[in-house]
Amino acid sequence: MKETYPRVVELLRQHIPAKISRNEFCRLTGINRNSVDRYLAGLGCPTDETLVKLSDYFDVSIPWLRGEDDDSGALPTQAKNAKQRRKYLNDYRAAAREMELAEMCIGILERMSCKTAQRCVKEMKAVQQEALTQMDIAAEGLGAPYPTR
């Protein structure tokens, strides 16, 4: 099991129970109590969705939480508010699903030898390229290095 990012552990230990209870923190952030307990113990890495929730709550950037950025952790202006950040994350997920579907369709169509299938493969590759572009835009909006391939 991977260790929790040190900055996540530090923030949680400073904030819980000094400012609020674990249950209240979980209610406010939507993070599972068991997950918070694991992070406080330094066990397990938060999912991308959990990092977004922590980033929103503590008003710091995801790269800063991961320890990838030595900056103060101030959020990038393009994704400052939680609603905007959730939209970027949802856009990223939708584009990733579209990418997977296009890859699956290409695999099926490439086994066919008719001209229609070949045309469809070209169209699916265009869909795939558009999905990659959408994933890049969403990742940039989140201010985090999300994989696009």
N, C-alpha and C. Protein backbone atom coordinates (compact mmCIF):
# COMPACT_ATOMS: atom_id res chain seq x y z
N MET A 1 0.85 -1.19 0.00
CA MET A 1 0.00 0.00 0.00
C MET A 1 0.88 1.24 0.00
N LYS A 2 0.53 2.21 -0.85
CA LYS A 2 1.31 3.44 -0.93
C LYS A 2 1.06 4.31 0.29
N GLU A 3 2.06 5.10 0.63
CA GLU A 3 1.92 6.03 1.75
C GLU A 3 1.15 7.27 1.30
N THR A 4 0.50 7.91 2.25
CA THR A 4 -0.22 9.14 1.99
C THR A 4 0.78 10.26 1.75
N TYR A 5 0.40 11.22 0.91
CA TYR A 5 1.26 12.37 0.67
C TYR A 5 1.48 13.09 2.01
N PRO A 6 2.73 13.41 2.36
CA PRO A 6 3.03 14.03 3.66
C PRO A 6 2.23 15.31 3.93
N ARG A 7 1.99 16.11 2.91
CA ARG A 7 1.25 17.37 3.15
C ARG A 7 -0.20 17.10 3.50
N VAL A 8 -0.77 16.03 2.95
CA VAL A 8 -2.15 15.67 3.30
C VAL A 8 -2.21 15.28 4.77
N VAL A 9 -1.26 14.45 5.19
CA VAL A 9 -1.20 14.01 6.59
C VAL A 9 -1.04 15.22 7.50
N GLU A 10 -0.13 16.11 7.14
CA GLU A 10 0.14 17.30 7.96
C GLU A 10 -1.10 18.18 8.10
N LEU A 11 -1.78 18.45 6.99
CA LEU A 11 -2.98 19.28 7.04
C LEU A 11 -4.07 18.64 7.90
N LEU A 12 -4.28 17.34 7.70
CA LEU A 12 -5.31 16.66 8.48
C LEU A 12 -4.99 16.65 9.97
N ARG A 13 -3.73 16.40 10.30
CA ARG A 13 -3.35 16.36 11.72
C ARG A 13 -3.47 17.73 12.38
N GLN A 14 -3.19 18.79 11.62
CA GLN A 14 -3.31 20.14 12.17
C GLN A 14 -4.77 20.54 12.34
N HIS A 15 -5.61 20.07 11.45
CA HIS A 15 -7.00 20.51 11.42
C HIS A 15 -7.94 19.66 12.29
N ILE A 16 -7.67 18.36 12.40
CA ILE A 16 -8.54 17.44 13.13
C ILE A 16 -7.79 16.96 14.37
N PRO A 17 -8.27 17.01 15.56
CA PRO A 17 -9.52 17.58 16.03
C PRO A 17 -9.38 19.02 16.50
N ALA A 18 -8.25 19.67 16.21
CA ALA A 18 -8.03 21.03 16.70
C ALA A 18 -9.16 21.99 16.33
N LYS A 19 -9.66 21.88 15.11
CA LYS A 19 -10.69 22.83 14.68
C LYS A 19 -12.08 22.20 14.64
N ILE A 20 -12.17 20.97 14.13
CA ILE A 20 -13.47 20.27 14.09
C ILE A 20 -13.24 18.78 14.29
N SER A 21 -14.32 18.05 14.53
CA SER A 21 -14.21 16.60 14.73
C SER A 21 -14.03 15.90 13.38
N ARG A 22 -13.58 14.66 13.43
CA ARG A 22 -13.41 13.88 12.19
C ARG A 22 -14.75 13.71 11.49
N ASN A 23 -15.79 13.43 12.27
CA ASN A 23 -17.11 13.24 11.65
C ASN A 23 -17.58 14.49 10.94
N GLU A 24 -17.38 15.63 11.57
CA GLU A 24 -17.77 16.90 10.96
C GLU A 24 -16.95 17.16 9.70
N PHE A 25 -15.66 16.90 9.77
CA PHE A 25 -14.78 17.07 8.60
C PHE A 25 -15.26 16.18 7.44
N CYS A 26 -15.58 14.93 7.75
CA CYS A 26 -16.06 14.00 6.73
C CYS A 26 -17.38 14.47 6.13
N ARG A 27 -18.25 14.98 6.97
CA ARG A 27 -19.55 15.48 6.49
C ARG A 27 -19.35 16.67 5.56
N LEU A 28 -18.47 17.58 5.93
CA LEU A 28 -18.23 18.79 5.15
C LEU A 28 -17.52 18.51 3.81
N THR A 29 -16.62 17.54 3.82
CA THR A 29 -15.83 17.27 2.60
C THR A 29 -16.40 16.17 1.74
N GLY A 30 -17.21 15.29 2.34
CA GLY A 30 -17.72 14.14 1.59
C GLY A 30 -16.71 13.02 1.48
N ILE A 31 -15.68 13.06 2.33
CA ILE A 31 -14.65 12.01 2.34
C ILE A 31 -15.03 10.98 3.40
N ASN A 32 -14.91 9.72 3.06
CA ASN A 32 -15.24 8.61 3.94
C ASN A 32 -14.39 8.66 5.21
N ARG A 33 -15.00 8.38 6.35
CA ARG A 33 -14.30 8.40 7.64
C ARG A 33 -13.13 7.42 7.67
N ASN A 34 -13.32 6.22 7.13
CA ASN A 34 -12.24 5.23 7.10
C ASN A 34 -11.05 5.74 6.28
N SER A 35 -11.34 6.43 5.19
CA SER A 35 -10.26 6.99 4.37
C SER A 35 -9.48 8.04 5.16
N VAL A 36 -10.20 8.91 5.86
CA VAL A 36 -9.54 9.94 6.67
C VAL A 36 -8.66 9.29 7.73
N ASP A 37 -9.16 8.25 8.37
CA ASP A 37 -8.37 7.54 9.38
C ASP A 37 -7.10 6.96 8.77
N ARG A 38 -7.22 6.38 7.58
CA ARG A 38 -6.03 5.83 6.90
C ARG A 38 -5.03 6.94 6.57
N TYR A 39 -5.53 8.07 6.07
CA TYR A 39 -4.63 9.17 5.71
C TYR A 39 -3.92 9.72 6.94
N LEU A 40 -4.66 9.83 8.05
CA LEU A 40 -4.05 10.31 9.29
C LEU A 40 -2.96 9.36 9.78
N ALA A 41 -3.12 8.07 9.47
CA ALA A 41 -2.11 7.08 9.84
C ALA A 41 -0.98 7.03 8.81
N GLY A 42 -1.13 7.81 7.74
CA GLY A 42 -0.10 7.82 6.69
C GLY A 42 -0.19 6.65 5.73
N LEU A 43 -1.35 6.02 5.67
CA LEU A 43 -1.53 4.85 4.81
C LEU A 43 -2.45 5.16 3.64
N GLY A 44 -2.07 4.72 2.46
CA GLY A 44 -2.91 4.87 1.28
C GLY A 44 -2.89 6.27 0.69
N CYS A 45 -2.94 6.34 -0.62
CA CYS A 45 -2.96 7.63 -1.32
C CYS A 45 -4.39 8.01 -1.66
N PRO A 46 -4.74 9.27 -1.47
CA PRO A 46 -6.08 9.72 -1.84
C PRO A 46 -6.30 9.59 -3.34
N THR A 47 -7.52 9.28 -3.72
CA THR A 47 -7.89 9.24 -5.14
C THR A 47 -7.88 10.67 -5.68
N ASP A 48 -7.95 10.79 -7.00
CA ASP A 48 -8.01 12.12 -7.62
C ASP A 48 -9.22 12.90 -7.10
N GLU A 49 -10.35 12.21 -6.96
CA GLU A 49 -11.56 12.86 -6.47
C GLU A 49 -11.37 13.36 -5.04
N THR A 50 -10.73 12.56 -4.20
CA THR A 50 -10.47 12.95 -2.82
C THR A 50 -9.50 14.13 -2.77
N LEU A 51 -8.49 14.11 -3.64
CA LEU A 51 -7.55 15.24 -3.70
C LEU A 51 -8.27 16.53 -4.05
N VAL A 52 -9.24 16.44 -4.96
CA VAL A 52 -10.02 17.63 -5.32
C VAL A 52 -10.79 18.12 -4.09
N LYS A 53 -11.40 17.20 -3.35
CA LYS A 53 -12.15 17.58 -2.15
C LYS A 53 -11.24 18.22 -1.10
N LEU A 54 -10.06 17.63 -0.88
CA LEU A 54 -9.11 18.20 0.07
C LEU A 54 -8.61 19.56 -0.40
N SER A 55 -8.34 19.66 -1.69
CA SER A 55 -7.88 20.91 -2.27
C SER A 55 -8.93 22.01 -2.09
N ASP A 56 -10.18 21.65 -2.33
CA ASP A 56 -11.28 22.62 -2.16
C ASP A 56 -11.39 23.05 -0.70
N TYR A 57 -11.36 22.09 0.20
CA TYR A 57 -11.56 22.37 1.61
C TYR A 57 -10.42 23.23 2.18
N PHE A 58 -9.17 22.85 1.89
CA PHE A 58 -8.03 23.57 2.45
C PHE A 58 -7.57 24.74 1.57
N ASP A 59 -8.20 24.89 0.40
CA ASP A 59 -7.88 25.99 -0.53
C ASP A 59 -6.40 25.97 -0.94
N VAL A 60 -5.94 24.78 -1.31
CA VAL A 60 -4.57 24.61 -1.81
C VAL A 60 -4.64 23.83 -3.13
N SER A 61 -3.55 23.86 -3.88
CA SER A 61 -3.55 23.17 -5.17
C SER A 61 -3.28 21.68 -5.00
N ILE A 62 -3.72 20.90 -5.97
CA ILE A 62 -3.48 19.46 -5.95
C ILE A 62 -1.99 19.15 -6.07
N PRO A 63 -1.25 19.82 -6.98
CA PRO A 63 0.20 19.55 -7.03
C PRO A 63 0.88 19.84 -5.69
N TRP A 64 0.43 20.87 -4.97
CA TRP A 64 1.01 21.17 -3.67
C TRP A 64 0.72 20.04 -2.68
N LEU A 65 -0.53 19.54 -2.68
CA LEU A 65 -0.88 18.43 -1.79
C LEU A 65 -0.01 17.20 -2.07
N ARG A 66 0.28 16.97 -3.34
CA ARG A 66 1.10 15.81 -3.73
C ARG A 66 2.59 16.02 -3.43
N GLY A 67 2.96 17.25 -3.10
CA GLY A 67 4.37 17.54 -2.84
C GLY A 67 5.14 17.82 -4.11
N GLU A 68 4.44 18.09 -5.21
CA GLU A 68 5.07 18.35 -6.50
C GLU A 68 5.38 19.82 -6.70
N ASP A 69 4.87 20.66 -5.81
CA ASP A 69 5.00 22.10 -5.97
C ASP A 69 5.42 22.68 -4.62
N ASP A 70 6.52 23.43 -4.60
CA ASP A 70 6.99 24.02 -3.36
C ASP A 70 6.36 25.38 -3.09
N ASP A 71 5.52 25.82 -4.00
CA ASP A 71 4.81 27.08 -3.85
C ASP A 71 3.97 27.00 -2.56
N SER A 72 3.36 28.09 -2.20
CA SER A 72 2.56 28.13 -0.97
C SER A 72 1.31 27.27 -1.06
N GLY A 73 1.02 26.78 -2.26
CA GLY A 73 -0.18 25.96 -2.42
C GLY A 73 -1.38 26.76 -2.87
N ALA A 74 -1.19 28.05 -3.13
CA ALA A 74 -2.31 28.88 -3.58
C ALA A 74 -2.88 28.29 -4.86
N LEU A 75 -4.20 28.23 -4.93
CA LEU A 75 -4.84 27.63 -6.08
C LEU A 75 -4.64 28.45 -7.35
N PRO A 76 -4.50 27.76 -8.49
CA PRO A 76 -4.43 28.48 -9.75
C PRO A 76 -5.77 29.17 -10.02
N THR A 77 -5.73 30.33 -10.62
CA THR A 77 -6.96 31.10 -10.82
C THR A 77 -7.95 30.39 -11.73
N GLN A 78 -7.48 29.55 -12.68
CA GLN A 78 -8.40 28.94 -13.62
C GLN A 78 -9.33 27.91 -12.97
N ALA A 79 -9.04 27.47 -11.75
CA ALA A 79 -9.91 26.49 -11.11
C ALA A 79 -10.09 26.80 -9.63
N LYS A 80 -10.30 28.06 -9.30
CA LYS A 80 -10.36 28.47 -7.90
C LYS A 80 -11.59 27.93 -7.17
N ASN A 81 -12.74 28.02 -7.78
CA ASN A 81 -13.92 27.60 -7.01
C ASN A 81 -14.26 26.13 -7.21
N ALA A 82 -14.88 25.55 -6.21
CA ALA A 82 -15.14 24.12 -6.19
C ALA A 82 -16.04 23.67 -7.34
N LYS A 83 -17.02 24.47 -7.69
CA LYS A 83 -17.94 24.10 -8.77
C LYS A 83 -17.18 23.98 -10.09
N GLN A 84 -16.31 24.93 -10.35
CA GLN A 84 -15.51 24.91 -11.57
C GLN A 84 -14.59 23.69 -11.58
N ARG A 85 -13.98 23.40 -10.44
CA ARG A 85 -13.06 22.26 -10.35
C ARG A 85 -13.80 20.95 -10.58
N ARG A 86 -15.01 20.81 -10.02
CA ARG A 86 -15.81 19.60 -10.24
C ARG A 86 -16.16 19.45 -11.72
N LYS A 87 -16.47 20.57 -12.36
CA LYS A 87 -16.77 20.53 -13.80
C LYS A 87 -15.56 20.02 -14.58
N TYR A 88 -14.38 20.55 -14.27
CA TYR A 88 -13.17 20.07 -14.95
C TYR A 88 -12.95 18.58 -14.72
N LEU A 89 -13.16 18.12 -13.49
CA LEU A 89 -12.96 16.71 -13.18
C LEU A 89 -13.97 15.86 -13.93
N ASN A 90 -15.22 16.28 -13.97
CA ASN A 90 -16.25 15.54 -14.71
C ASN A 90 -15.96 15.54 -16.20
N ASP A 91 -15.50 16.67 -16.74
CA ASP A 91 -15.12 16.74 -18.16
C ASP A 91 -13.99 15.77 -18.45
N TYR A 92 -13.02 15.71 -17.54
CA TYR A 92 -11.88 14.82 -17.73
C TYR A 92 -12.36 13.36 -17.76
N ARG A 93 -13.21 13.01 -16.81
CA ARG A 93 -13.71 11.63 -16.74
C ARG A 93 -14.53 11.27 -17.98
N ALA A 94 -15.38 12.19 -18.43
CA ALA A 94 -16.20 11.92 -19.61
C ALA A 94 -15.31 11.71 -20.84
N ALA A 95 -14.30 12.54 -20.99
CA ALA A 95 -13.38 12.40 -22.13
C ALA A 95 -12.60 11.09 -22.04
N ALA A 96 -12.23 10.70 -20.82
CA ALA A 96 -11.51 9.43 -20.65
C ALA A 96 -12.40 8.24 -21.04
N ARG A 97 -13.68 8.30 -20.66
CA ARG A 97 -14.62 7.24 -21.05
C ARG A 97 -14.80 7.20 -22.56
N GLU A 98 -14.91 8.37 -23.18
CA GLU A 98 -15.06 8.45 -24.63
C GLU A 98 -13.83 7.88 -25.32
N MET A 99 -12.68 8.15 -24.76
CA MET A 99 -11.42 7.64 -25.29
C MET A 99 -11.41 6.11 -25.23
N GLU A 100 -11.80 5.54 -24.09
CA GLU A 100 -11.84 4.08 -23.94
C GLU A 100 -12.81 3.44 -24.92
N LEU A 101 -13.98 4.05 -25.09
CA LEU A 101 -14.98 3.54 -26.01
C LEU A 101 -14.46 3.58 -27.44
N ALA A 102 -13.83 4.68 -27.81
CA ALA A 102 -13.27 4.81 -29.17
C ALA A 102 -12.21 3.74 -29.40
N GLU A 103 -11.35 3.50 -28.41
CA GLU A 103 -10.31 2.46 -28.55
C GLU A 103 -10.94 1.08 -28.75
N MET A 104 -12.00 0.81 -28.00
CA MET A 104 -12.68 -0.48 -28.12
C MET A 104 -13.30 -0.63 -29.51
N CYS A 105 -13.96 0.42 -29.99
CA CYS A 105 -14.58 0.39 -31.32
C CYS A 105 -13.53 0.21 -32.42
N ILE A 106 -12.42 0.89 -32.28
CA ILE A 106 -11.35 0.77 -33.27
C ILE A 106 -10.85 -0.67 -33.32
N GLY A 107 -10.68 -1.28 -32.15
CA GLY A 107 -10.23 -2.67 -32.09
C GLY A 107 -11.18 -3.61 -32.82
N ILE A 108 -12.47 -3.40 -32.64
CA ILE A 108 -13.47 -4.24 -33.31
C ILE A 108 -13.48 -3.97 -34.81
N LEU A 109 -13.49 -2.71 -35.19
CA LEU A 109 -13.58 -2.34 -36.61
C LEU A 109 -12.34 -2.74 -37.40
N GLU A 110 -11.19 -2.72 -36.76
CA GLU A 110 -9.97 -3.08 -37.48
C GLU A 110 -9.94 -4.56 -37.87
N ARG A 111 -10.75 -5.38 -37.21
CA ARG A 111 -10.83 -6.79 -37.56
C ARG A 111 -11.72 -7.03 -38.78
N MET A 112 -12.48 -6.02 -39.16
CA MET A 112 -13.35 -6.13 -40.34
C MET A 112 -12.58 -5.60 -41.55
N SER A 113 -12.90 -6.14 -42.71
CA SER A 113 -12.14 -5.74 -43.89
C SER A 113 -12.91 -4.87 -44.88
N CYS A 114 -14.16 -4.55 -44.60
CA CYS A 114 -14.93 -3.76 -45.56
C CYS A 114 -14.55 -2.27 -45.51
N LYS A 115 -14.88 -1.56 -46.55
CA LYS A 115 -14.54 -0.14 -46.66
C LYS A 115 -15.28 0.70 -45.62
N THR A 116 -16.50 0.31 -45.31
CA THR A 116 -17.28 1.05 -44.31
C THR A 116 -16.57 0.99 -42.96
N ALA A 117 -16.06 -0.18 -42.60
CA ALA A 117 -15.35 -0.33 -41.33
C ALA A 117 -14.09 0.54 -41.32
N GLN A 118 -13.39 0.59 -42.45
CA GLN A 118 -12.18 1.41 -42.54
C GLN A 118 -12.51 2.89 -42.36
N ARG A 119 -13.63 3.33 -42.94
CA ARG A 119 -14.09 4.72 -42.77
C ARG A 119 -14.43 4.99 -41.32
N CYS A 120 -15.08 4.03 -40.68
CA CYS A 120 -15.46 4.17 -39.27
C CYS A 120 -14.22 4.25 -38.37
N VAL A 121 -13.17 3.49 -38.72
CA VAL A 121 -11.94 3.55 -37.95
C VAL A 121 -11.37 4.96 -38.00
N LYS A 122 -11.38 5.58 -39.17
CA LYS A 122 -10.88 6.96 -39.30
C LYS A 122 -11.70 7.91 -38.44
N GLU A 123 -13.02 7.72 -38.47
CA GLU A 123 -13.89 8.57 -37.67
C GLU A 123 -13.65 8.36 -36.17
N MET A 124 -13.45 7.12 -35.75
CA MET A 124 -13.19 6.83 -34.34
C MET A 124 -11.84 7.40 -33.90
N LYS A 125 -10.87 7.41 -34.80
CA LYS A 125 -9.57 8.00 -34.46
C LYS A 125 -9.70 9.51 -34.28
N ALA A 126 -10.60 10.13 -35.06
CA ALA A 126 -10.86 11.57 -34.88
C ALA A 126 -11.55 11.81 -33.53
N VAL A 127 -12.48 10.95 -33.18
CA VAL A 127 -13.16 11.05 -31.88
C VAL A 127 -12.13 10.90 -30.75
N GLN A 128 -11.23 9.95 -30.94
CA GLN A 128 -10.18 9.70 -29.95
C GLN A 128 -9.30 10.94 -29.78
N GLN A 129 -8.94 11.57 -30.89
CA GLN A 129 -8.10 12.78 -30.83
C GLN A 129 -8.83 13.92 -30.12
N GLU A 130 -10.11 14.07 -30.39
CA GLU A 130 -10.92 15.10 -29.72
C GLU A 130 -11.00 14.82 -28.22
N ALA A 131 -11.16 13.56 -27.85
CA ALA A 131 -11.21 13.19 -26.43
C ALA A 131 -9.89 13.54 -25.75
N LEU A 132 -8.77 13.28 -26.41
CA LEU A 132 -7.46 13.64 -25.85
C LEU A 132 -7.36 15.14 -25.62
N THR A 133 -7.84 15.91 -26.58
CA THR A 133 -7.82 17.36 -26.45
C THR A 133 -8.66 17.81 -25.25
N GLN A 134 -9.85 17.21 -25.11
CA GLN A 134 -10.73 17.56 -23.98
C GLN A 134 -10.09 17.17 -22.65
N MET A 135 -9.39 16.05 -22.61
CA MET A 135 -8.71 15.62 -21.39
C MET A 135 -7.60 16.61 -21.03
N ASP A 136 -6.86 17.07 -22.04
CA ASP A 136 -5.79 18.04 -21.81
C ASP A 136 -6.35 19.35 -21.25
N ILE A 137 -7.46 19.82 -21.83
CA ILE A 137 -8.08 21.07 -21.38
C ILE A 137 -8.54 20.94 -19.92
N ALA A 138 -9.19 19.82 -19.61
CA ALA A 138 -9.69 19.61 -18.24
C ALA A 138 -8.53 19.48 -17.26
N ALA A 139 -7.47 18.77 -17.64
CA ALA A 139 -6.31 18.61 -16.75
C ALA A 139 -5.64 19.95 -16.49
N GLU A 140 -5.55 20.77 -17.51
CA GLU A 140 -4.96 22.10 -17.35
C GLU A 140 -5.82 22.95 -16.42
N GLY A 141 -7.14 22.86 -16.57
CA GLY A 141 -8.05 23.62 -15.71
C GLY A 141 -7.96 23.20 -14.25
N LEU A 142 -7.67 21.91 -14.03
CA LEU A 142 -7.52 21.42 -12.66
C LEU A 142 -6.18 21.83 -12.05
N GLY A 143 -5.26 22.26 -12.90
CA GLY A 143 -3.94 22.64 -12.39
C GLY A 143 -3.17 21.45 -11.87
N ALA A 144 -3.43 20.29 -12.46
CA ALA A 144 -2.79 19.07 -11.99
C ALA A 144 -2.33 18.23 -13.17
N PRO A 145 -1.26 17.49 -12.98
CA PRO A 145 -0.78 16.62 -14.07
C PRO A 145 -1.58 15.33 -14.15
N TYR A 146 -2.64 15.33 -14.94
CA TYR A 146 -3.44 14.14 -15.14
C TYR A 146 -2.96 13.47 -16.43
N PRO A 147 -2.92 12.14 -16.45
CA PRO A 147 -2.45 11.46 -17.66
C PRO A 147 -3.46 11.60 -18.78
N THR A 148 -2.97 11.78 -20.01
CA THR A 148 -3.85 11.84 -21.16
C THR A 148 -3.57 10.69 -22.11
N ARG A 149 -2.72 9.82 -21.78
CA ARG A 149 -2.42 8.63 -22.60
C ARG A 149 -2.12 7.47 -21.71
